[in-house]
Protein backbone atom coordinates (compact mmCIF):
# COMPACT_ATOMS: atom_id res chain seq x y z
CA MET A 1 30.88 15.30 14.77
CA GLN A 2 27.46 14.59 15.24
CA ILE A 3 26.73 18.84 15.38
CA VAL A 4 29.02 19.27 12.00
CA LEU A 5 26.82 16.68 10.09
CA LEU A 6 23.43 18.28 10.99
CA GLY A 7 24.91 21.57 10.77
CA VAL A 8 25.89 21.42 6.77
CA LEU A 9 22.63 19.29 6.37
CA SER A 10 20.28 22.39 7.35
CA VAL A 11 22.79 24.37 4.57
CA MET A 12 21.97 22.22 1.91
CA ALA A 13 18.43 22.01 3.36
CA ILE A 14 17.73 25.54 2.98
CA TRP A 15 19.73 25.98 -0.43
CA PHE A 16 17.07 23.19 -1.46
CA LEU A 17 14.12 24.91 0.22
CA VAL A 18 15.04 28.18 -2.21
CA HIS A 19 15.01 26.89 -5.53
CA TRP A 20 12.23 24.80 -4.68
CA ILE A 21 9.82 27.53 -3.36
CA LYS A 22 11.41 29.93 -6.55
CA ALA A 23 10.43 26.92 -9.26
CA ILE A 24 6.66 26.97 -7.74
CA LYS A 25 6.42 30.65 -7.39
CA ASP A 26 7.83 31.22 -11.39
CA GLN A 27 5.53 27.98 -12.62
CA LYS A 28 2.32 28.30 -10.37
CA PRO A 29 1.14 24.35 -10.62
CA SER A 30 -2.13 23.62 -10.68
CA PHE A 31 -3.15 21.25 -7.79
CA ASP A 32 -5.59 19.11 -9.07
CA ASN A 33 -5.82 15.66 -7.24
CA PHE A 34 -4.06 16.91 -4.44
CA ALA A 35 -5.74 15.26 -2.13
CA HIS A 36 -5.33 12.17 -3.39
CA LEU A 37 -1.43 12.89 -3.98
CA SER A 38 -1.16 13.92 -0.05
CA VAL A 39 -2.35 10.59 0.30
CA VAL A 40 0.39 8.86 -1.07
CA GLY A 41 2.82 10.90 0.42
CA PHE A 42 1.54 10.19 3.82
CA VAL A 43 1.65 6.34 3.65
CA THR A 44 4.72 6.34 1.47
CA ASN A 45 6.78 8.36 4.23
CA PHE A 46 5.45 6.46 6.96
CA PHE A 47 6.27 3.04 5.74
CA ASP A 48 9.56 5.21 4.60
CA THR A 49 10.73 6.22 8.18
CA LEU A 50 10.26 2.20 9.14
CA GLY A 51 12.75 1.34 6.88
CA ILE A 52 11.03 0.06 4.17
CA GLY A 53 11.60 2.75 1.58
CA CYS A 54 9.41 4.45 -0.25
CA PHE A 55 10.28 5.29 -4.19
CA ALA A 56 9.27 1.55 -5.53
CA PRO A 57 5.32 2.02 -3.72
CA THR A 58 5.23 6.01 -4.87
CA THR A 59 6.50 4.97 -8.59
CA ALA A 60 4.17 1.76 -8.67
CA TRP A 61 0.99 4.60 -6.86
CA PHE A 62 1.56 7.07 -9.81
CA LYS A 63 1.67 4.37 -12.55
CA GLY A 64 -1.40 2.84 -11.22
CA ALA A 65 -3.27 5.69 -10.79
CA LYS A 66 -1.89 7.72 -13.52
CA LEU A 67 -0.86 10.57 -11.16
CA VAL A 68 2.81 11.60 -12.39
CA ARG A 69 4.35 11.09 -16.02
CA ASP A 70 6.45 8.74 -16.36
CA LYS A 71 9.83 10.64 -17.07
CA LYS A 72 8.92 12.68 -14.46
CA ILE A 73 8.59 10.12 -11.82
CA PRO A 74 12.52 9.84 -10.87
CA GLY A 75 12.42 13.73 -10.59
CA THR A 76 9.15 14.07 -8.50
CA LEU A 77 10.53 11.55 -6.15
CA ASN A 78 13.57 12.88 -5.74
CA VAL A 79 12.21 16.53 -4.70
CA GLY A 80 9.35 14.93 -2.62
CA PHE A 81 10.93 13.46 -0.37
CA THR A 82 13.74 15.31 0.69
CA THR A 83 12.61 17.84 3.12
CA THR A 84 10.80 14.47 5.12
CA VAL A 85 14.47 12.16 4.77
CA ILE A 86 16.23 15.20 5.88
CA LEU A 87 13.95 15.04 9.12
CA MET A 88 14.42 11.39 9.35
CA PHE A 89 17.66 11.88 9.30
CA PHE A 90 17.95 14.18 12.28
CA ILE A 91 15.77 11.98 14.78
CA PHE A 92 17.41 8.82 13.69
CA ILE A 93 21.33 10.48 14.11
CA ASP A 94 19.81 11.41 17.44
CA ARG A 95 18.60 7.72 18.91
CA VAL A 96 21.16 5.32 16.67
CA GLU A 97 25.49 5.26 18.01
CA VAL A 98 27.08 4.61 15.15
CA ASP A 99 31.26 5.39 14.28
CA PRO A 100 31.31 8.74 12.68
CA LEU A 101 34.42 7.58 10.02
CA THR A 102 32.14 4.87 8.70
CA LEU A 103 28.74 7.44 8.91
CA VAL A 104 30.65 10.28 7.12
CA LEU A 105 32.58 8.42 4.36
CA MET A 106 29.16 6.41 3.03
CA ILE A 107 27.36 9.55 2.98
CA GLY A 108 29.62 11.19 1.10
CA ALA A 109 29.83 8.06 -1.25
CA ALA A 110 26.38 7.94 -1.66
CA LEU A 111 26.40 11.60 -2.55
CA PHE A 112 28.97 11.86 -5.29
CA GLY A 113 27.75 8.83 -6.69
CA ALA A 114 24.24 10.64 -6.84
CA VAL A 115 25.96 14.09 -8.39
CA ILE A 116 27.20 12.19 -11.28
CA GLY A 117 23.90 9.74 -11.57
CA ALA A 118 21.68 12.62 -11.54
CA GLY A 119 23.56 14.68 -14.57
CA ILE A 120 22.87 11.32 -16.66
CA VAL A 121 19.52 10.18 -16.08
CA SER A 122 17.62 13.31 -15.90
CA GLY A 123 18.83 13.49 -19.90
CA LEU A 124 17.68 10.41 -20.47
CA PRO A 125 14.98 9.21 -23.01
CA GLU A 126 11.97 7.92 -21.43
CA LYS A 127 12.73 4.60 -22.70
CA LYS A 128 15.65 4.01 -20.92
CA VAL A 129 14.56 5.79 -17.76
CA GLN A 130 11.72 3.47 -17.56
CA LEU A 131 14.12 0.57 -18.58
CA GLY A 132 16.48 1.55 -15.84
CA MET A 133 13.81 1.57 -13.44
CA GLY A 134 12.42 -1.56 -14.16
CA ILE A 135 15.38 -3.52 -14.11
CA ALA A 136 16.65 -1.66 -10.98
CA LEU A 137 13.06 -2.04 -9.30
CA LEU A 138 13.25 -6.08 -9.84
CA VAL A 139 17.07 -5.89 -8.24
CA THR A 140 15.37 -4.14 -5.45
CA ALA A 141 13.02 -6.52 -5.04
CA LEU A 142 15.41 -9.48 -5.35
CA PHE A 143 16.58 -7.97 -2.08
CA VAL A 144 13.98 -7.64 0.20
CA PHE A 145 13.03 -11.44 -1.43
CA LEU A 146 16.31 -12.86 0.20
CA GLY A 147 15.87 -10.94 3.55
CA GLN A 148 12.62 -12.74 4.25
CA VAL A 149 13.22 -16.00 3.16
CA GLU A 150 16.63 -15.56 5.58
CA LEU A 151 18.85 -16.24 2.93
CA MET A 152 20.89 -12.86 3.37
CA PRO A 153 23.19 -12.19 6.13
CA VAL A 154 21.35 -11.09 9.80
CA GLY A 155 24.04 -9.02 10.19
CA GLY A 156 26.03 -8.54 13.64
CA ASP A 157 27.31 -6.03 16.64
CA ALA A 158 29.72 -3.28 15.04
CA ILE A 159 29.18 0.43 14.88
CA GLY A 160 31.49 1.09 12.71
CA LEU A 161 34.15 -0.71 9.88
CA ARG A 162 37.66 -0.58 9.02
CA GLY A 163 40.12 -2.22 6.62
CA TRP A 164 38.67 -3.69 3.21
CA ARG A 165 34.78 -3.76 4.91
CA LEU A 166 35.22 0.12 4.96
CA ILE A 167 36.26 0.38 1.35
CA VAL A 168 33.44 -2.10 -0.39
CA ALA A 169 30.87 -0.06 1.94
CA VAL A 170 32.25 3.42 0.17
CA VAL A 171 32.38 1.73 -3.01
CA VAL A 172 28.74 0.02 -3.10
CA ASN A 173 27.27 3.00 -1.59
CA PHE A 174 28.66 5.26 -4.46
CA ILE A 175 26.71 2.81 -6.93
CA LEU A 176 23.50 3.07 -4.82
CA GLY A 177 23.34 6.40 -4.45
CA ALA A 178 23.83 7.05 -8.25
CA LEU A 179 21.19 4.14 -9.10
CA MET A 180 18.98 6.54 -6.33
CA THR A 181 18.26 8.99 -9.18
CA LEU A 182 16.94 5.95 -11.31
CA GLY A 183 13.72 6.57 -8.53
CA ILE A 184 15.24 3.48 -7.12
CA GLY A 185 15.02 3.84 -3.18
CA LEU A 186 18.33 3.32 -1.66
CA TYR A 187 16.99 1.37 2.03
CA ALA A 188 16.84 -2.13 0.99
CA PRO A 189 20.30 -2.39 -0.52
CA CYS A 190 21.60 -0.38 2.05
CA MET A 191 20.75 -2.36 4.43
CA ALA A 192 21.78 -5.72 2.80
CA LEU A 193 24.88 -4.25 2.57
CA VAL A 194 25.04 -3.12 6.16
CA TYR A 195 23.88 -6.44 7.02
CA SER A 196 26.24 -8.60 5.02
CA LEU A 197 29.66 -6.55 6.13
CA GLY A 198 28.69 -7.60 10.32
CA MET A 199 27.09 -4.43 11.76
CA ASN A 200 24.47 -3.81 13.39
CA PRO A 201 21.21 -3.44 11.67
CA VAL A 202 20.38 -0.68 13.36
CA VAL A 203 23.02 1.06 12.44
CA ALA A 204 21.74 0.54 8.89
CA PHE A 205 19.12 3.12 9.61
CA PRO A 206 21.52 6.84 10.32
CA ILE A 207 23.46 5.20 7.51
CA MET A 208 20.42 4.92 4.86
CA MET A 209 18.88 8.11 6.27
CA GLY A 210 21.56 9.72 5.68
CA SER A 211 22.96 9.05 2.58
CA CYS A 212 19.47 9.86 1.19
CA ALA A 213 19.22 13.26 2.95
CA TYR A 214 22.75 14.23 1.95
CA LEU A 215 22.56 13.04 -1.61
CA MET A 216 19.22 14.32 -2.16
CA PRO A 217 19.16 17.84 -2.07
CA GLY A 218 21.57 17.80 -5.02
CA ALA A 219 19.90 15.81 -6.76
CA ALA A 220 16.94 17.25 -6.19
CA VAL A 221 18.09 20.86 -7.58
CA ARG A 222 19.49 19.13 -10.83
CA PHE A 223 15.98 17.98 -11.22
CA ILE A 224 14.23 20.75 -10.61
CA LYS A 225 16.74 23.06 -13.10
CA LYS A 226 15.50 20.52 -15.51
CA GLY A 227 12.20 21.06 -15.49
CA ALA A 228 11.74 16.90 -14.83
CA VAL A 229 9.60 17.51 -11.74
CA ASP A 230 6.08 17.74 -11.53
CA LEU A 231 5.86 20.34 -8.74
CA ARG A 232 2.26 19.97 -7.61
CA ALA A 233 3.10 16.14 -6.74
CA SER A 234 6.25 17.59 -4.73
CA VAL A 235 4.31 19.51 -2.78
CA GLY A 236 1.37 16.65 -2.20
CA LEU A 237 4.26 14.44 -0.83
CA THR A 238 6.54 16.55 1.68
CA LEU A 239 2.92 18.07 3.11
CA ALA A 240 1.57 15.05 4.15
CA GLY A 241 4.54 13.20 4.53
CA ILE A 242 5.52 15.11 7.69
CA PRO A 243 3.20 14.50 10.45
CA ALA A 244 3.56 11.06 8.92
CA VAL A 245 7.64 10.81 9.42
CA PHE A 246 6.64 11.96 13.49
CA ILE A 247 4.06 9.74 13.62
CA ALA A 248 6.47 6.05 12.27
CA ALA A 249 9.72 7.69 14.20
CA PHE A 250 7.67 8.49 17.76
CA TRP A 251 4.45 5.97 18.42
CA VAL A 252 4.74 3.08 15.83
CA THR A 253 8.27 1.71 16.69
CA GLU A 254 6.15 -1.92 17.33
CA MET A 255 4.47 -1.95 13.63
CA PRO A 256 5.07 -5.20 12.20
CA ILE A 257 7.54 -5.15 9.40
CA TYR A 258 7.62 -8.71 8.46
CA ILE A 259 3.99 -8.42 6.89
CA LEU A 260 4.96 -4.90 5.56
CA THR A 261 7.62 -5.83 3.73
CA TRP A 262 6.24 -8.91 2.14
CA LEU A 263 3.61 -6.04 0.60
CA VAL A 264 6.34 -3.71 -0.35
CA PHE A 265 7.57 -6.80 -2.37
CA VAL A 266 4.92 -6.95 -4.07
CA ILE A 267 4.26 -3.55 -4.98
CA VAL A 268 8.25 -3.51 -5.97
CA THR A 269 7.96 -6.09 -8.58
CA TYR A 270 4.89 -4.88 -10.09
CA ALA A 271 5.66 -1.93 -10.69
CA GLY A 272 9.38 -3.11 -12.16
CA ILE A 273 7.27 -5.49 -14.97
CA ILE A 274 5.09 -2.27 -15.62
CA LEU A 275 8.12 -0.18 -15.84
CA LEU A 276 10.05 -2.93 -18.34
CA ARG A 277 6.67 -3.40 -20.25
CA ASP A 278 6.13 0.33 -20.83
CA GLY A 279 10.07 0.65 -21.78
CA ILE A 280 9.83 -2.14 -24.59
CA ARG A 281 6.82 -0.71 -25.96
CA ASN A 282 7.88 2.98 -26.02
CA GLU A 283 8.56 4.17 -28.95
CA GLN A 284 10.01 7.59 -27.84
CA GLU A 285 13.91 7.47 -27.83
CA GLU A 286 14.17 12.07 -26.92
CA TYR A 287 14.18 13.05 -24.08
CA LYS A 288 12.07 16.74 -24.15
CA PRO A 289 11.32 18.96 -20.64
CA ASP A 290 8.17 20.77 -20.75
CA ILE A 291 10.01 23.78 -19.73
CA PRO A 292 13.70 24.83 -20.99
CA PRO A 293 16.36 24.17 -18.16
CA THR A 294 18.15 26.93 -16.75
CA ASP A 295 21.91 27.56 -17.94
CA ASP A 296 22.52 27.85 -13.93
CA THR A 297 24.85 24.78 -12.64
CA TRP A 298 24.66 24.01 -8.86
């Protein structure tokens, strides 16, 4: 089963890379602020590998430093973190034992949700994207806060699910996959789901990484074809993120997660409030990509 999962994911990774590299060659983006973007990629991928998540802090950083236009943030996050999250899955699937049926069904649900969600979100007006991202970020912040003050279930020892618990896990992961195409990280709500269903918290890591690894190539290619990606930023996130993933995964496993999670809570809350404020003020109703989308489908 593990070989099949990794083999399929390898094919998806190659498919994504072909589209991404072709877009870079065709559009030849400038690399202004590339050093700054590389710092963003290193830091956020480092924390992402620890299970804290990267979408919310990256969104906050992009907005605070005005590095990426708001309407291109969802696509840039999906494209920029695809390669690194695939690398994370390869690492965690090798280190953590998880029930194959639970893993495959939850990953499949997230993938299906992302495919439907990307088709809707990438064509939304900027105002609606901002409002959707802001609300979802604040929901994610609530999950983080509840975990920090120990109001969330702490999980159990199971490495897999059966019966109604498995059905609930699949349905909720489908919804989380769709929300991820809004630029909302899947990690925190997925971790809360795993805890609440009585699974060992460690099992959350291959499920979270696997869900993202399988859903992101499809969503990323969709955003590329829509022209809703800042290619310059996506390259910076990826190139600097690869060494950060290796460092975090193999040498920094004793990082004080509790303190870093409080920092993420502050950043996520800040980003959610800012996006809601901008969405309320934004009078733009029609989304217009910088380049015409292709007629190809994926």
